[in-house]
Amino acid sequence: MAKQGQSDRKKVNSSQDYELSHVAAKMGVSIQQVVGAKRATGSNDRTVMEKYISD
């Protein structure tokens, strides 16, 4: 069965290594920092995680 609709690019799926790598590379941080930001904020929203890391 094929996936329907567009994927939600505002969210980071932490079970997908390529998504973690992409966000980490985009922000110039390690994958561990991205995972830590997700845990600290309790959110998988890309903008929330980026704001947490940049602060």
PDB file of N, CA and C in Angstrom:
ATOM      1  N   MET A   1       0.844  -1.182   0.000  1.00  0.00           N
ATOM      2  CA  MET A   1       0.000   0.000   0.000  1.00  0.00           C
ATOM      3  C   MET A   1       0.891   1.247   0.000  1.00  0.00           C
ATOM      4  N   ALA A   2       0.630   2.153  -0.885  1.00  0.00           N
ATOM      5  CA  ALA A   2       1.418   3.376  -1.016  1.00  0.00           C
ATOM      6  C   ALA A   2       1.003   4.393   0.040  1.00  0.00           C
ATOM      7  N   LYS A   3       1.974   5.224   0.439  1.00  0.00           N
ATOM      8  CA  LYS A   3       1.673   6.287   1.388  1.00  0.00           C
ATOM      9  C   LYS A   3       0.821   7.337   0.695  1.00  0.00           C
ATOM     10  N   GLN A   4      -0.115   7.882   1.412  1.00  0.00           N
ATOM     11  CA  GLN A   4      -1.005   8.896   0.872  1.00  0.00           C
ATOM     12  C   GLN A   4      -0.623  10.268   1.416  1.00  0.00           C
ATOM     13  N   GLY A   5      -0.730  11.297   0.606  1.00  0.00           N
ATOM     14  CA  GLY A   5      -0.521  12.669   1.040  1.00  0.00           C
ATOM     15  C   GLY A   5       0.936  13.025   1.249  1.00  0.00           C
ATOM     16  N   GLN A   6       1.145  14.275   1.645  1.00  0.00           N
ATOM     17  CA  GLN A   6       2.491  14.780   1.862  1.00  0.00           C
ATOM     18  C   GLN A   6       2.948  14.465   3.279  1.00  0.00           C
ATOM     19  N   SER A   7       4.255  14.305   3.436  1.00  0.00           N
ATOM     20  CA  SER A   7       4.793  14.124   4.776  1.00  0.00           C
ATOM     21  C   SER A   7       4.831  15.489   5.461  1.00  0.00           C
ATOM     22  N   ASP A   8       4.800  15.486   6.763  1.00  0.00           N
ATOM     23  CA  ASP A   8       4.814  16.728   7.525  1.00  0.00           C
ATOM     24  C   ASP A   8       6.260  17.151   7.754  1.00  0.00           C
ATOM     25  N   ARG A   9       6.734  18.123   6.996  1.00  0.00           N
ATOM     26  CA  ARG A   9       8.128  18.556   7.068  1.00  0.00           C
ATOM     27  C   ARG A   9       8.398  19.424   8.292  1.00  0.00           C
ATOM     28  N   LYS A  10       7.368  19.792   9.038  1.00  0.00           N
ATOM     29  CA  LYS A  10       7.566  20.587  10.240  1.00  0.00           C
ATOM     30  C   LYS A  10       7.973  19.722  11.425  1.00  0.00           C
ATOM     31  N   LYS A  11       7.868  18.420  11.281  1.00  0.00           N
ATOM     32  CA  LYS A  11       8.174  17.487  12.360  1.00  0.00           C
ATOM     33  C   LYS A  11       9.445  16.713  12.046  1.00  0.00           C
ATOM     34  N   VAL A  12      10.158  16.327  13.091  1.00  0.00           N
ATOM     35  CA  VAL A  12      11.365  15.518  12.949  1.00  0.00           C
ATOM     36  C   VAL A  12      11.065  14.144  13.526  1.00  0.00           C
ATOM     37  N   ASN A  13      11.163  13.124  12.697  1.00  0.00           N
ATOM     38  CA  ASN A  13      10.938  11.755  13.138  1.00  0.00           C
ATOM     39  C   ASN A  13      12.268  11.210  13.641  1.00  0.00           C
ATOM     40  N   SER A  14      12.406  11.116  14.957  1.00  0.00           N
ATOM     41  CA  SER A  14      13.696  10.721  15.526  1.00  0.00           C
ATOM     42  C   SER A  14      14.022   9.252  15.327  1.00  0.00           C
ATOM     43  N   SER A  15      13.094   8.484  14.815  1.00  0.00           N
ATOM     44  CA  SER A  15      13.403   7.081  14.516  1.00  0.00           C
ATOM     45  C   SER A  15      13.991   6.938  13.113  1.00  0.00           C
ATOM     46  N   GLN A  16      14.079   8.034  12.376  1.00  0.00           N
ATOM     47  CA  GLN A  16      14.658   8.034  11.031  1.00  0.00           C
ATOM     48  C   GLN A  16      16.014   8.737  11.075  1.00  0.00           C
ATOM     49  N   ASP A  17      17.082   7.950  10.937  1.00  0.00           N
ATOM     50  CA  ASP A  17      18.435   8.506  11.014  1.00  0.00           C
ATOM     51  C   ASP A  17      18.680   9.615  10.002  1.00  0.00           C
ATOM     52  N   TYR A  18      18.120   9.476   8.788  1.00  0.00           N
ATOM     53  CA  TYR A  18      18.368  10.492   7.763  1.00  0.00           C
ATOM     54  C   TYR A  18      17.744  11.827   8.138  1.00  0.00           C
ATOM     55  N   GLU A  19      16.620  11.814   8.857  1.00  0.00           N
ATOM     56  CA  GLU A  19      16.010  13.078   9.282  1.00  0.00           C
ATOM     57  C   GLU A  19      16.861  13.748  10.350  1.00  0.00           C
ATOM     58  N   LEU A  20      17.359  12.954  11.292  1.00  0.00           N
ATOM     59  CA  LEU A  20      18.233  13.510  12.326  1.00  0.00           C
ATOM     60  C   LEU A  20      19.505  14.076  11.706  1.00  0.00           C
ATOM     61  N   SER A  21      20.077  13.346  10.756  1.00  0.00           N
ATOM     62  CA  SER A  21      21.295  13.801  10.086  1.00  0.00           C
ATOM     63  C   SER A  21      21.057  15.093   9.326  1.00  0.00           C
ATOM     64  N   HIS A  22      19.919  15.187   8.655  1.00  0.00           N
ATOM     65  CA  HIS A  22      19.589  16.382   7.877  1.00  0.00           C
ATOM     66  C   HIS A  22      19.464  17.605   8.783  1.00  0.00           C
ATOM     67  N   VAL A  23      18.727  17.471   9.869  1.00  0.00           N
ATOM     68  CA  VAL A  23      18.533  18.596  10.784  1.00  0.00           C
ATOM     69  C   VAL A  23      19.864  18.985  11.427  1.00  0.00           C
ATOM     70  N   ALA A  24      20.644  17.995  11.845  1.00  0.00           N
ATOM     71  CA  ALA A  24      21.939  18.270  12.467  1.00  0.00           C
ATOM     72  C   ALA A  24      22.866  19.000  11.499  1.00  0.00           C
ATOM     73  N   ALA A  25      22.932  18.538  10.260  1.00  0.00           N
ATOM     74  CA  ALA A  25      23.793  19.173   9.260  1.00  0.00           C
ATOM     75  C   ALA A  25      23.322  20.586   8.952  1.00  0.00           C
ATOM     76  N   LYS A  26      22.016  20.774   8.861  1.00  0.00           N
ATOM     77  CA  LYS A  26      21.451  22.086   8.560  1.00  0.00           C
ATOM     78  C   LYS A  26      21.800  23.099   9.651  1.00  0.00           C
ATOM     79  N   MET A  27      21.795  22.635  10.904  1.00  0.00           N
ATOM     80  CA  MET A  27      22.053  23.532  12.027  1.00  0.00           C
ATOM     81  C   MET A  27      23.517  23.575  12.438  1.00  0.00           C
ATOM     82  N   GLY A  28      24.328  22.684  11.890  1.00  0.00           N
ATOM     83  CA  GLY A  28      25.737  22.653  12.249  1.00  0.00           C
ATOM     84  C   GLY A  28      25.990  22.108  13.641  1.00  0.00           C
ATOM     85  N   VAL A  29      25.162  21.154  14.070  1.00  0.00           N
ATOM     86  CA  VAL A  29      25.308  20.534  15.388  1.00  0.00           C
ATOM     87  C   VAL A  29      25.363  19.019  15.229  1.00  0.00           C
ATOM     88  N   SER A  30      25.578  18.322  16.333  1.00  0.00           N
ATOM     89  CA  SER A  30      25.629  16.863  16.276  1.00  0.00           C
ATOM     90  C   SER A  30      24.223  16.269  16.355  1.00  0.00           C
ATOM     91  N   ILE A  31      24.117  15.017  15.951  1.00  0.00           N
ATOM     92  CA  ILE A  31      22.841  14.305  16.044  1.00  0.00           C
ATOM     93  C   ILE A  31      22.419  14.207  17.508  1.00  0.00           C
ATOM     94  N   GLN A  32      23.382  14.024  18.408  1.00  0.00           N
ATOM     95  CA  GLN A  32      23.075  13.931  19.833  1.00  0.00           C
ATOM     96  C   GLN A  32      22.435  15.218  20.346  1.00  0.00           C
ATOM     97  N   GLN A  33      22.869  16.365  19.825  1.00  0.00           N
ATOM     98  CA  GLN A  33      22.267  17.631  20.233  1.00  0.00           C
ATOM     99  C   GLN A  33      20.826  17.739  19.747  1.00  0.00           C
ATOM    100  N   VAL A  34      20.548  17.232  18.558  1.00  0.00           N
ATOM    101  CA  VAL A  34      19.180  17.248  18.032  1.00  0.00           C
ATOM    102  C   VAL A  34      18.293  16.352  18.891  1.00  0.00           C
ATOM    103  N   VAL A  35      18.774  15.156  19.207  1.00  0.00           N
ATOM    104  CA  VAL A  35      18.006  14.233  20.049  1.00  0.00           C
ATOM    105  C   VAL A  35      17.804  14.843  21.435  1.00  0.00           C
ATOM    106  N   GLY A  36      18.842  15.473  21.975  1.00  0.00           N
ATOM    107  CA  GLY A  36      18.732  16.127  23.273  1.00  0.00           C
ATOM    108  C   GLY A  36      17.721  17.255  23.267  1.00  0.00           C
ATOM    109  N   ALA A  37      17.677  18.010  22.182  1.00  0.00           N
ATOM    110  CA  ALA A  37      16.701  19.099  22.064  1.00  0.00           C
ATOM    111  C   ALA A  37      15.288  18.549  22.026  1.00  0.00           C
ATOM    112  N   LYS A  38      15.107  17.437  21.347  1.00  0.00           N
ATOM    113  CA  LYS A  38      13.777  16.824  21.292  1.00  0.00           C
ATOM    114  C   LYS A  38      13.350  16.369  22.681  1.00  0.00           C
ATOM    115  N   ARG A  39      14.257  15.743  23.397  1.00  0.00           N
ATOM    116  CA  ARG A  39      13.937  15.276  24.755  1.00  0.00           C
ATOM    117  C   ARG A  39      13.682  16.452  25.699  1.00  0.00           C
ATOM    118  N   ALA A  40      14.502  17.486  25.615  1.00  0.00           N
ATOM    119  CA  ALA A  40      14.383  18.631  26.518  1.00  0.00           C
ATOM    120  C   ALA A  40      13.101  19.422  26.289  1.00  0.00           C
ATOM    121  N   THR A  41      12.703  19.560  25.016  1.00  0.00           N
ATOM    122  CA  THR A  41      11.507  20.348  24.712  1.00  0.00           C
ATOM    123  C   THR A  41      10.236  19.512  24.757  1.00  0.00           C
ATOM    124  N   GLY A  42      10.383  18.198  24.608  1.00  0.00           N
ATOM    125  CA  GLY A  42       9.205  17.331  24.574  1.00  0.00           C
ATOM    126  C   GLY A  42       8.424  17.492  23.287  1.00  0.00           C
ATOM    127  N   SER A  43       9.071  18.038  22.277  1.00  0.00           N
ATOM    128  CA  SER A  43       8.398  18.309  21.009  1.00  0.00           C
ATOM    129  C   SER A  43       9.228  17.775  19.855  1.00  0.00           C
ATOM    130  N   ASN A  44       8.545  17.349  18.802  1.00  0.00           N
ATOM    131  CA  ASN A  44       9.269  16.961  17.595  1.00  0.00           C
ATOM    132  C   ASN A  44       9.073  18.007  16.500  1.00  0.00           C
ATOM    133  N   ASP A  45       8.583  19.182  16.886  1.00  0.00           N
ATOM    134  CA  ASP A  45       8.416  20.290  15.953  1.00  0.00           C
ATOM    135  C   ASP A  45       9.790  20.870  15.625  1.00  0.00           C
ATOM    136  N   ARG A  46      10.087  20.958  14.359  1.00  0.00           N
ATOM    137  CA  ARG A  46      11.401  21.396  13.881  1.00  0.00           C
ATOM    138  C   ARG A  46      11.761  22.794  14.397  1.00  0.00           C
ATOM    139  N   THR A  47      10.822  23.734  14.365  1.00  0.00           N
ATOM    140  CA  THR A  47      11.127  25.108  14.777  1.00  0.00           C
ATOM    141  C   THR A  47      11.375  25.206  16.282  1.00  0.00           C
ATOM    142  N   VAL A  48      10.658  24.441  17.080  1.00  0.00           N
ATOM    143  CA  VAL A  48      10.858  24.438  18.532  1.00  0.00           C
ATOM    144  C   VAL A  48      12.251  23.913  18.856  1.00  0.00           C
ATOM    145  N   MET A  49      12.635  22.835  18.178  1.00  0.00           N
ATOM    146  CA  MET A  49      13.952  22.251  18.415  1.00  0.00           C
ATOM    147  C   MET A  49      15.060  23.197  17.967  1.00  0.00           C
ATOM    148  N   GLU A  50      14.889  23.858  16.828  1.00  0.00           N
ATOM    149  CA  GLU A  50      15.890  24.802  16.331  1.00  0.00           C
ATOM    150  C   GLU A  50      16.054  25.978  17.286  1.00  0.00           C
ATOM    151  N   LYS A  51      14.941  26.471  17.826  1.00  0.00           N
ATOM    152  CA  LYS A  51      14.998  27.584  18.777  1.00  0.00           C
ATOM    153  C   LYS A  51      15.725  27.159  20.047  1.00  0.00           C
ATOM    154  N   TYR A  52      15.438  25.968  20.543  1.00  0.00           N
ATOM    155  CA  TYR A  52      16.103  25.460  21.748  1.00  0.00           C
ATOM    156  C   TYR A  52      17.612  25.358  21.533  1.00  0.00           C
ATOM    157  N   ILE A  53      18.025  24.829  20.404  1.00  0.00           N
ATOM    158  CA  ILE A  53      19.451  24.645  20.126  1.00  0.00           C
ATOM    159  C   ILE A  53      20.149  25.992  19.958  1.00  0.00           C
ATOM    160  N   SER A  54      19.492  26.950  19.337  1.00  0.00           N
ATOM    161  CA  SER A  54      20.136  28.239  19.074  1.00  0.00           C
ATOM    162  C   SER A  54      20.237  29.116  20.320  1.00  0.00           C
ATOM    163  N   ASP A  55      19.432  28.836  21.332  1.00  0.00           N
ATOM    164  CA  ASP A  55      19.469  29.650  22.569  1.00  0.00           C
ATOM    165  C   ASP A  55      20.573  29.258  23.500  1.00  0.00           C
TER     166      ASP A  55
END
